[in-house]
Amino acid sequence: LRRVRDLSNRLAALTPTADPASSPLLCGTWDIVWTTESELLALTKRGLLGLPCTAAYQAIARTREGGAGPWAYSLDNAIEFDGGFLRVGSTCEPAASGGRVNFVFQSCAARWRALELPLPPVGSGWFDVLYVDEELRVCRDSRGDLQVCARRK
């Protein structure tokens, strides 16, 4: 793991994107292809109450009220299961310069077969965009976890 962290730091120095947090390249749907995040690893490996995981991704979007004014950003985390899901919606605020993105959970829901439950959205945090281009995003979060994501085509 130390070697992966060292490599991610080296990759950050090579990012072709100035101010990656505020870059339009940050927006899109990103499949999570590798992570050290323990909760995500548990759900993708073990599934949800017998339902196997089929996908884990993040969707980052930005909109402008009436087409003008400041950007409003959203971050949606989703783990899809065969017959269910776990989704967490957030507002987020990228720094104008650098790679920091702050977020606050706003909604959460889980579905297991036909049963869907709203859950309390608890938490906030940040992640640093270490690298982003048209195809790849690498981030480190407030707990030190790493995440490698590929842009969904």
N, C-alpha and C. Protein backbone atom coordinates (compact mmCIF):
# COMPACT_ATOMS: atom_id res chain seq x y z
N LEU A 1 0.82 -1.19 0.00
CA LEU A 1 0.00 0.00 0.00
C LEU A 1 0.87 1.26 0.00
N ARG A 2 1.98 1.21 0.69
CA ARG A 2 2.88 2.36 0.70
C ARG A 2 3.35 2.69 -0.71
N ARG A 3 3.65 1.64 -1.48
CA ARG A 3 4.10 1.86 -2.87
C ARG A 3 3.00 2.52 -3.71
N VAL A 4 1.75 2.10 -3.51
CA VAL A 4 0.64 2.70 -4.24
C VAL A 4 0.50 4.17 -3.87
N ARG A 5 0.63 4.49 -2.58
CA ARG A 5 0.55 5.89 -2.15
C ARG A 5 1.68 6.71 -2.76
N ASP A 6 2.88 6.17 -2.79
CA ASP A 6 4.01 6.86 -3.40
C ASP A 6 3.77 7.10 -4.89
N LEU A 7 3.24 6.08 -5.57
CA LEU A 7 2.96 6.22 -7.00
C LEU A 7 1.85 7.26 -7.24
N SER A 8 0.85 7.31 -6.37
CA SER A 8 -0.23 8.30 -6.54
C SER A 8 0.32 9.71 -6.36
N ASN A 9 1.26 9.88 -5.44
CA ASN A 9 1.88 11.20 -5.26
C ASN A 9 2.69 11.60 -6.49
N ARG A 10 3.37 10.65 -7.08
CA ARG A 10 4.13 10.94 -8.31
C ARG A 10 3.19 11.27 -9.47
N LEU A 11 2.08 10.53 -9.54
CA LEU A 11 1.11 10.78 -10.59
C LEU A 11 0.52 12.18 -10.45
N ALA A 12 0.30 12.63 -9.22
CA ALA A 12 -0.26 13.97 -8.99
C ALA A 12 0.63 15.05 -9.62
N ALA A 13 1.92 14.85 -9.58
CA ALA A 13 2.84 15.81 -10.18
C ALA A 13 2.74 15.84 -11.70
N LEU A 14 2.17 14.79 -12.29
CA LEU A 14 2.07 14.68 -13.74
C LEU A 14 0.70 15.06 -14.30
N THR A 15 -0.23 15.45 -13.42
CA THR A 15 -1.58 15.73 -13.92
C THR A 15 -1.53 16.81 -15.00
N PRO A 16 -2.20 16.56 -16.12
CA PRO A 16 -2.20 17.55 -17.19
C PRO A 16 -3.20 18.68 -16.96
N THR A 17 -3.94 18.62 -15.86
CA THR A 17 -5.05 19.53 -15.62
C THR A 17 -4.71 20.52 -14.51
N ALA A 18 -4.62 21.78 -14.87
CA ALA A 18 -4.41 22.82 -13.85
C ALA A 18 -5.68 22.95 -13.03
N ASP A 19 -5.53 23.12 -11.73
CA ASP A 19 -6.67 23.27 -10.82
C ASP A 19 -7.74 22.21 -11.09
N PRO A 20 -7.41 20.94 -10.84
CA PRO A 20 -8.31 19.84 -11.21
C PRO A 20 -9.67 19.88 -10.53
N ALA A 21 -9.77 20.44 -9.33
CA ALA A 21 -11.07 20.46 -8.66
C ALA A 21 -12.09 21.33 -9.39
N SER A 22 -11.65 22.42 -9.99
CA SER A 22 -12.58 23.31 -10.67
C SER A 22 -12.62 23.08 -12.18
N SER A 23 -11.91 22.07 -12.66
CA SER A 23 -11.90 21.77 -14.08
C SER A 23 -13.20 21.09 -14.51
N PRO A 24 -13.71 21.41 -15.70
CA PRO A 24 -14.88 20.69 -16.22
C PRO A 24 -14.62 19.19 -16.38
N LEU A 25 -13.35 18.79 -16.45
CA LEU A 25 -13.01 17.37 -16.56
C LEU A 25 -13.44 16.57 -15.33
N LEU A 26 -13.61 17.25 -14.20
CA LEU A 26 -14.04 16.56 -12.98
C LEU A 26 -15.45 15.99 -13.13
N CYS A 27 -16.28 16.66 -13.91
CA CYS A 27 -17.67 16.26 -14.06
C CYS A 27 -17.81 15.03 -14.96
N GLY A 28 -18.78 14.21 -14.63
CA GLY A 28 -19.07 13.01 -15.40
C GLY A 28 -19.40 11.86 -14.47
N THR A 29 -19.61 10.70 -15.07
CA THR A 29 -19.84 9.48 -14.29
C THR A 29 -18.56 8.68 -14.30
N TRP A 30 -18.10 8.33 -13.10
CA TRP A 30 -16.80 7.69 -12.89
C TRP A 30 -16.99 6.32 -12.25
N ASP A 31 -16.61 5.27 -12.95
CA ASP A 31 -16.62 3.93 -12.36
C ASP A 31 -15.42 3.78 -11.43
N ILE A 32 -15.68 3.29 -10.23
CA ILE A 32 -14.61 3.10 -9.25
C ILE A 32 -13.95 1.76 -9.57
N VAL A 33 -12.70 1.82 -10.02
CA VAL A 33 -12.01 0.60 -10.44
C VAL A 33 -11.04 0.07 -9.38
N TRP A 34 -10.66 0.92 -8.41
CA TRP A 34 -9.78 0.48 -7.34
C TRP A 34 -9.90 1.47 -6.19
N THR A 35 -9.89 0.96 -4.96
CA THR A 35 -9.96 1.83 -3.79
C THR A 35 -9.38 1.15 -2.56
N THR A 36 -9.04 1.96 -1.57
CA THR A 36 -8.66 1.44 -0.26
C THR A 36 -9.78 1.68 0.76
N GLU A 37 -10.90 2.23 0.35
CA GLU A 37 -12.00 2.57 1.23
C GLU A 37 -12.68 1.30 1.75
N SER A 38 -12.59 1.04 3.05
CA SER A 38 -13.02 -0.24 3.62
C SER A 38 -14.51 -0.51 3.45
N GLU A 39 -15.37 0.51 3.62
CA GLU A 39 -16.81 0.28 3.49
C GLU A 39 -17.17 -0.10 2.06
N LEU A 40 -16.58 0.58 1.11
CA LEU A 40 -16.85 0.27 -0.30
C LEU A 40 -16.33 -1.12 -0.66
N LEU A 41 -15.15 -1.44 -0.18
CA LEU A 41 -14.59 -2.77 -0.44
C LEU A 41 -15.48 -3.87 0.14
N ALA A 42 -16.00 -3.66 1.34
CA ALA A 42 -16.86 -4.67 1.97
C ALA A 42 -18.13 -4.89 1.15
N LEU A 43 -18.76 -3.81 0.71
CA LEU A 43 -20.01 -3.95 -0.04
C LEU A 43 -19.79 -4.50 -1.45
N THR A 44 -18.69 -4.13 -2.09
CA THR A 44 -18.47 -4.65 -3.44
C THR A 44 -18.04 -6.11 -3.40
N LYS A 45 -17.39 -6.51 -2.33
CA LYS A 45 -16.95 -7.91 -2.22
C LYS A 45 -18.07 -8.82 -1.72
N ARG A 46 -18.78 -8.38 -0.66
CA ARG A 46 -19.78 -9.24 -0.02
C ARG A 46 -21.20 -9.01 -0.50
N GLY A 47 -21.45 -7.86 -1.15
CA GLY A 47 -22.80 -7.56 -1.60
C GLY A 47 -23.66 -6.99 -0.49
N LEU A 48 -24.94 -6.92 -0.76
CA LEU A 48 -25.92 -6.37 0.19
C LEU A 48 -26.94 -7.45 0.50
N LEU A 49 -26.84 -8.03 1.68
CA LEU A 49 -27.78 -9.06 2.14
C LEU A 49 -28.05 -10.11 1.07
N GLY A 50 -26.98 -10.65 0.53
CA GLY A 50 -27.08 -11.71 -0.46
C GLY A 50 -27.18 -11.25 -1.91
N LEU A 51 -27.30 -9.95 -2.14
CA LEU A 51 -27.35 -9.43 -3.51
C LEU A 51 -25.94 -9.05 -3.95
N PRO A 52 -25.43 -9.65 -5.03
CA PRO A 52 -24.06 -9.34 -5.46
C PRO A 52 -23.95 -7.94 -6.07
N CYS A 53 -22.80 -7.34 -5.88
CA CYS A 53 -22.52 -6.01 -6.42
C CYS A 53 -22.32 -6.11 -7.93
N THR A 54 -22.92 -5.16 -8.65
CA THR A 54 -22.76 -5.12 -10.10
C THR A 54 -22.01 -3.88 -10.57
N ALA A 55 -21.95 -2.83 -9.75
CA ALA A 55 -21.25 -1.60 -10.14
C ALA A 55 -21.08 -0.69 -8.93
N ALA A 56 -20.02 0.11 -8.97
CA ALA A 56 -19.80 1.17 -7.98
C ALA A 56 -19.28 2.37 -8.75
N TYR A 57 -19.92 3.51 -8.54
CA TYR A 57 -19.53 4.68 -9.32
C TYR A 57 -19.87 5.97 -8.59
N GLN A 58 -19.33 7.07 -9.11
CA GLN A 58 -19.65 8.41 -8.65
C GLN A 58 -20.07 9.23 -9.86
N ALA A 59 -21.04 10.08 -9.67
CA ALA A 59 -21.46 11.02 -10.71
C ALA A 59 -21.29 12.43 -10.16
N ILE A 60 -20.52 13.23 -10.86
CA ILE A 60 -20.28 14.61 -10.45
C ILE A 60 -20.85 15.50 -11.55
N ALA A 61 -21.70 16.45 -11.15
CA ALA A 61 -22.34 17.33 -12.12
C ALA A 61 -22.27 18.77 -11.63
N ARG A 62 -22.36 19.70 -12.58
CA ARG A 62 -22.45 21.10 -12.22
C ARG A 62 -23.51 21.76 -13.07
N THR A 63 -24.25 22.68 -12.45
CA THR A 63 -25.32 23.40 -13.13
C THR A 63 -25.26 24.86 -12.71
N ARG A 64 -25.86 25.69 -13.55
CA ARG A 64 -25.99 27.12 -13.23
C ARG A 64 -27.46 27.48 -13.25
N GLU A 65 -27.90 28.14 -12.21
CA GLU A 65 -29.28 28.61 -12.12
C GLU A 65 -29.53 29.61 -13.24
N GLY A 66 -30.45 29.29 -14.13
CA GLY A 66 -30.77 30.19 -15.22
C GLY A 66 -29.65 30.37 -16.23
N GLY A 67 -28.64 29.49 -16.20
CA GLY A 67 -27.54 29.57 -17.14
C GLY A 67 -26.49 30.61 -16.81
N ALA A 68 -26.63 31.29 -15.67
CA ALA A 68 -25.66 32.31 -15.28
C ALA A 68 -25.37 32.18 -13.79
N GLY A 69 -24.37 32.89 -13.34
CA GLY A 69 -24.03 32.87 -11.93
C GLY A 69 -23.05 31.76 -11.61
N PRO A 70 -22.84 31.52 -10.32
CA PRO A 70 -21.86 30.50 -9.93
C PRO A 70 -22.35 29.08 -10.20
N TRP A 71 -21.43 28.19 -10.37
CA TRP A 71 -21.76 26.78 -10.57
C TRP A 71 -22.24 26.17 -9.26
N ALA A 72 -23.23 25.30 -9.33
CA ALA A 72 -23.66 24.48 -8.20
C ALA A 72 -23.28 23.04 -8.54
N TYR A 73 -22.57 22.37 -7.64
CA TYR A 73 -22.06 21.03 -7.90
C TYR A 73 -22.80 19.99 -7.07
N SER A 74 -22.94 18.81 -7.64
CA SER A 74 -23.50 17.67 -6.91
C SER A 74 -22.57 16.47 -7.09
N LEU A 75 -22.57 15.62 -6.09
CA LEU A 75 -21.78 14.39 -6.09
C LEU A 75 -22.69 13.27 -5.64
N ASP A 76 -22.89 12.29 -6.50
CA ASP A 76 -23.73 11.13 -6.16
C ASP A 76 -22.85 9.89 -6.15
N ASN A 77 -22.88 9.18 -5.03
CA ASN A 77 -22.17 7.91 -4.89
C ASN A 77 -23.19 6.79 -5.00
N ALA A 78 -22.86 5.76 -5.76
CA ALA A 78 -23.81 4.66 -5.93
C ALA A 78 -23.09 3.32 -5.96
N ILE A 79 -23.69 2.37 -5.28
CA ILE A 79 -23.27 0.98 -5.38
C ILE A 79 -24.51 0.23 -5.83
N GLU A 80 -24.41 -0.41 -6.98
CA GLU A 80 -25.54 -1.14 -7.55
C GLU A 80 -25.38 -2.62 -7.24
N PHE A 81 -26.49 -3.26 -6.93
CA PHE A 81 -26.52 -4.70 -6.65
C PHE A 81 -27.53 -5.34 -7.57
N ASP A 82 -27.42 -6.61 -7.76
CA ASP A 82 -28.40 -7.35 -8.56
C ASP A 82 -29.69 -7.42 -7.76
N GLY A 83 -30.57 -6.42 -7.97
CA GLY A 83 -31.82 -6.35 -7.21
C GLY A 83 -31.80 -5.30 -6.12
N GLY A 84 -30.86 -4.36 -6.17
CA GLY A 84 -30.83 -3.33 -5.15
C GLY A 84 -29.80 -2.27 -5.41
N PHE A 85 -29.68 -1.33 -4.46
CA PHE A 85 -28.67 -0.28 -4.55
C PHE A 85 -28.47 0.37 -3.20
N LEU A 86 -27.39 1.12 -3.09
CA LEU A 86 -27.14 2.06 -2.00
C LEU A 86 -26.67 3.33 -2.67
N ARG A 87 -27.38 4.43 -2.44
CA ARG A 87 -27.05 5.70 -3.09
C ARG A 87 -26.98 6.80 -2.05
N VAL A 88 -25.96 7.62 -2.18
CA VAL A 88 -25.77 8.77 -1.31
C VAL A 88 -25.58 10.01 -2.17
N GLY A 89 -26.45 11.00 -1.97
CA GLY A 89 -26.36 12.25 -2.71
C GLY A 89 -25.72 13.32 -1.85
N SER A 90 -24.92 14.18 -2.48
CA SER A 90 -24.21 15.22 -1.77
C SER A 90 -24.19 16.51 -2.58
N THR A 91 -24.05 17.60 -1.87
CA THR A 91 -23.62 18.82 -2.53
C THR A 91 -22.11 18.85 -2.39
N CYS A 92 -21.45 19.49 -3.32
CA CYS A 92 -20.00 19.60 -3.18
C CYS A 92 -19.55 20.96 -3.67
N GLU A 93 -18.38 21.34 -3.21
CA GLU A 93 -17.83 22.65 -3.53
C GLU A 93 -16.34 22.51 -3.83
N PRO A 94 -16.00 22.51 -5.12
CA PRO A 94 -14.58 22.45 -5.48
C PRO A 94 -13.89 23.78 -5.17
N ALA A 95 -12.65 23.70 -4.74
CA ALA A 95 -11.85 24.91 -4.54
C ALA A 95 -11.57 25.54 -5.89
N ALA A 96 -11.48 26.86 -5.92
CA ALA A 96 -11.21 27.58 -7.17
C ALA A 96 -9.83 27.24 -7.72
N SER A 97 -8.90 26.95 -6.83
CA SER A 97 -7.57 26.53 -7.29
C SER A 97 -7.15 25.30 -6.49
N GLY A 98 -6.34 24.48 -7.12
CA GLY A 98 -5.89 23.26 -6.47
C GLY A 98 -6.85 22.11 -6.72
N GLY A 99 -6.79 21.10 -5.85
CA GLY A 99 -7.55 19.89 -6.08
C GLY A 99 -8.59 19.54 -5.04
N ARG A 100 -8.80 20.38 -4.04
CA ARG A 100 -9.71 20.04 -2.93
C ARG A 100 -11.17 20.22 -3.31
N VAL A 101 -11.98 19.20 -2.99
CA VAL A 101 -13.43 19.25 -3.17
C VAL A 101 -14.07 18.91 -1.83
N ASN A 102 -14.81 19.85 -1.26
CA ASN A 102 -15.54 19.62 -0.02
C ASN A 102 -16.94 19.12 -0.35
N PHE A 103 -17.48 18.22 0.48
CA PHE A 103 -18.82 17.71 0.22
C PHE A 103 -19.59 17.55 1.53
N VAL A 104 -20.94 17.59 1.39
CA VAL A 104 -21.86 17.38 2.51
C VAL A 104 -22.95 16.44 2.03
N PHE A 105 -23.14 15.33 2.73
CA PHE A 105 -24.18 14.38 2.37
C PHE A 105 -25.55 15.03 2.54
N GLN A 106 -26.43 14.82 1.55
CA GLN A 106 -27.76 15.41 1.57
C GLN A 106 -28.87 14.37 1.57
N SER A 107 -28.61 13.20 0.99
CA SER A 107 -29.64 12.17 0.90
C SER A 107 -28.99 10.80 0.89
N CYS A 108 -29.77 9.80 1.30
CA CYS A 108 -29.27 8.43 1.28
C CYS A 108 -30.47 7.50 1.17
N ALA A 109 -30.30 6.45 0.37
CA ALA A 109 -31.38 5.46 0.23
C ALA A 109 -30.77 4.11 -0.10
N ALA A 110 -31.44 3.07 0.35
CA ALA A 110 -31.03 1.70 0.03
C ALA A 110 -32.25 0.94 -0.47
N ARG A 111 -32.02 0.08 -1.46
CA ARG A 111 -33.09 -0.79 -1.93
C ARG A 111 -32.58 -2.22 -1.90
N TRP A 112 -33.37 -3.10 -1.34
CA TRP A 112 -33.12 -4.55 -1.35
C TRP A 112 -34.37 -5.19 -1.92
N ARG A 113 -34.24 -5.69 -3.13
CA ARG A 113 -35.38 -6.24 -3.87
C ARG A 113 -36.46 -5.17 -3.98
N ALA A 114 -37.67 -5.41 -3.48
CA ALA A 114 -38.77 -4.44 -3.61
C ALA A 114 -38.82 -3.45 -2.45
N LEU A 115 -37.99 -3.65 -1.44
CA LEU A 115 -38.01 -2.80 -0.26
C LEU A 115 -37.00 -1.65 -0.41
N GLU A 116 -37.51 -0.43 -0.42
CA GLU A 116 -36.64 0.75 -0.50
C GLU A 116 -36.78 1.57 0.76
N LEU A 117 -35.65 1.94 1.35
CA LEU A 117 -35.64 2.67 2.60
C LEU A 117 -34.83 3.95 2.47
N PRO A 118 -35.41 5.08 2.90
CA PRO A 118 -34.59 6.28 3.03
C PRO A 118 -33.73 6.13 4.29
N LEU A 119 -32.52 6.56 4.22
CA LEU A 119 -31.61 6.49 5.36
C LEU A 119 -31.13 7.90 5.69
N PRO A 120 -30.74 8.14 6.93
CA PRO A 120 -30.27 9.49 7.27
C PRO A 120 -28.90 9.76 6.62
N PRO A 121 -28.81 10.89 5.91
CA PRO A 121 -27.51 11.25 5.32
C PRO A 121 -26.64 11.89 6.40
N VAL A 122 -25.61 11.20 6.80
CA VAL A 122 -24.78 11.69 7.89
C VAL A 122 -23.35 11.87 7.39
N GLY A 123 -22.85 13.08 7.50
CA GLY A 123 -21.44 13.26 7.23
C GLY A 123 -21.10 14.33 6.23
N SER A 124 -19.83 14.63 6.25
CA SER A 124 -19.23 15.57 5.32
C SER A 124 -17.75 15.23 5.26
N GLY A 125 -17.08 15.80 4.32
CA GLY A 125 -15.64 15.55 4.19
C GLY A 125 -15.09 16.25 2.98
N TRP A 126 -13.99 15.74 2.49
CA TRP A 126 -13.36 16.31 1.31
C TRP A 126 -12.55 15.23 0.61
N PHE A 127 -12.23 15.49 -0.63
CA PHE A 127 -11.25 14.68 -1.34
C PHE A 127 -10.39 15.60 -2.18
N ASP A 128 -9.15 15.19 -2.35
CA ASP A 128 -8.22 15.91 -3.20
C ASP A 128 -8.10 15.17 -4.52
N VAL A 129 -8.30 15.89 -5.61
CA VAL A 129 -8.13 15.33 -6.94
C VAL A 129 -6.62 15.37 -7.23
N LEU A 130 -6.00 14.19 -7.22
CA LEU A 130 -4.57 14.11 -7.46
C LEU A 130 -4.25 14.14 -8.95
N TYR A 131 -5.19 13.57 -9.74
CA TYR A 131 -4.98 13.48 -11.18
C TYR A 131 -6.34 13.39 -11.85
N VAL A 132 -6.52 14.12 -12.92
CA VAL A 132 -7.73 13.96 -13.73
C VAL A 132 -7.41 14.32 -15.18
N ASP A 133 -7.91 13.49 -16.08
CA ASP A 133 -7.88 13.79 -17.51
C ASP A 133 -9.18 13.29 -18.11
N GLU A 134 -9.24 13.11 -19.39
CA GLU A 134 -10.48 12.69 -20.05
C GLU A 134 -10.92 11.28 -19.67
N GLU A 135 -10.00 10.45 -19.17
CA GLU A 135 -10.30 9.05 -18.92
C GLU A 135 -10.10 8.59 -17.48
N LEU A 136 -9.24 9.25 -16.71
CA LEU A 136 -8.81 8.75 -15.40
C LEU A 136 -8.92 9.84 -14.35
N ARG A 137 -9.35 9.43 -13.14
CA ARG A 137 -9.36 10.33 -11.98
C ARG A 137 -8.81 9.57 -10.78
N VAL A 138 -7.86 10.16 -10.08
CA VAL A 138 -7.28 9.58 -8.87
C VAL A 138 -7.46 10.59 -7.75
N CYS A 139 -8.03 10.13 -6.61
CA CYS A 139 -8.33 11.02 -5.49
C CYS A 139 -7.86 10.40 -4.17
N ARG A 140 -7.58 11.27 -3.21
CA ARG A 140 -7.32 10.87 -1.83
C ARG A 140 -8.31 11.63 -0.96
N ASP A 141 -8.99 10.92 -0.04
CA ASP A 141 -10.02 11.58 0.76
C ASP A 141 -9.52 11.97 2.14
N SER A 142 -10.43 12.57 2.92
CA SER A 142 -10.10 13.10 4.23
C SER A 142 -9.65 12.03 5.22
N ARG A 143 -9.92 10.76 4.92
CA ARG A 143 -9.46 9.65 5.78
C ARG A 143 -8.17 9.03 5.26
N GLY A 144 -7.66 9.55 4.15
CA GLY A 144 -6.42 9.01 3.58
C GLY A 144 -6.65 7.89 2.57
N ASP A 145 -7.92 7.54 2.29
CA ASP A 145 -8.20 6.49 1.32
C ASP A 145 -7.95 6.99 -0.10
N LEU A 146 -7.50 6.08 -0.93
CA LEU A 146 -7.27 6.37 -2.35
C LEU A 146 -8.38 5.76 -3.18
N GLN A 147 -8.65 6.41 -4.31
CA GLN A 147 -9.66 5.91 -5.22
C GLN A 147 -9.19 6.18 -6.66
N VAL A 148 -9.26 5.15 -7.48
CA VAL A 148 -8.95 5.27 -8.90
C VAL A 148 -10.24 5.04 -9.67
N CYS A 149 -10.58 5.99 -10.53
CA CYS A 149 -11.85 5.94 -11.27
C CYS A 149 -11.60 6.10 -12.76
N ALA A 150 -12.41 5.41 -13.54
CA ALA A 150 -12.36 5.51 -15.00
C ALA A 150 -13.67 6.16 -15.47
N ARG A 151 -13.54 7.11 -16.37
CA ARG A 151 -14.74 7.79 -16.88
C ARG A 151 -15.60 6.78 -17.64
N ARG A 152 -16.88 6.77 -17.32
CA ARG A 152 -17.83 5.90 -18.00
C ARG A 152 -18.09 6.46 -19.40
N LYS A 153 -18.07 5.57 -20.37
CA LYS A 153 -18.29 6.03 -21.76
C LYS A 153 -19.69 5.80 -22.19
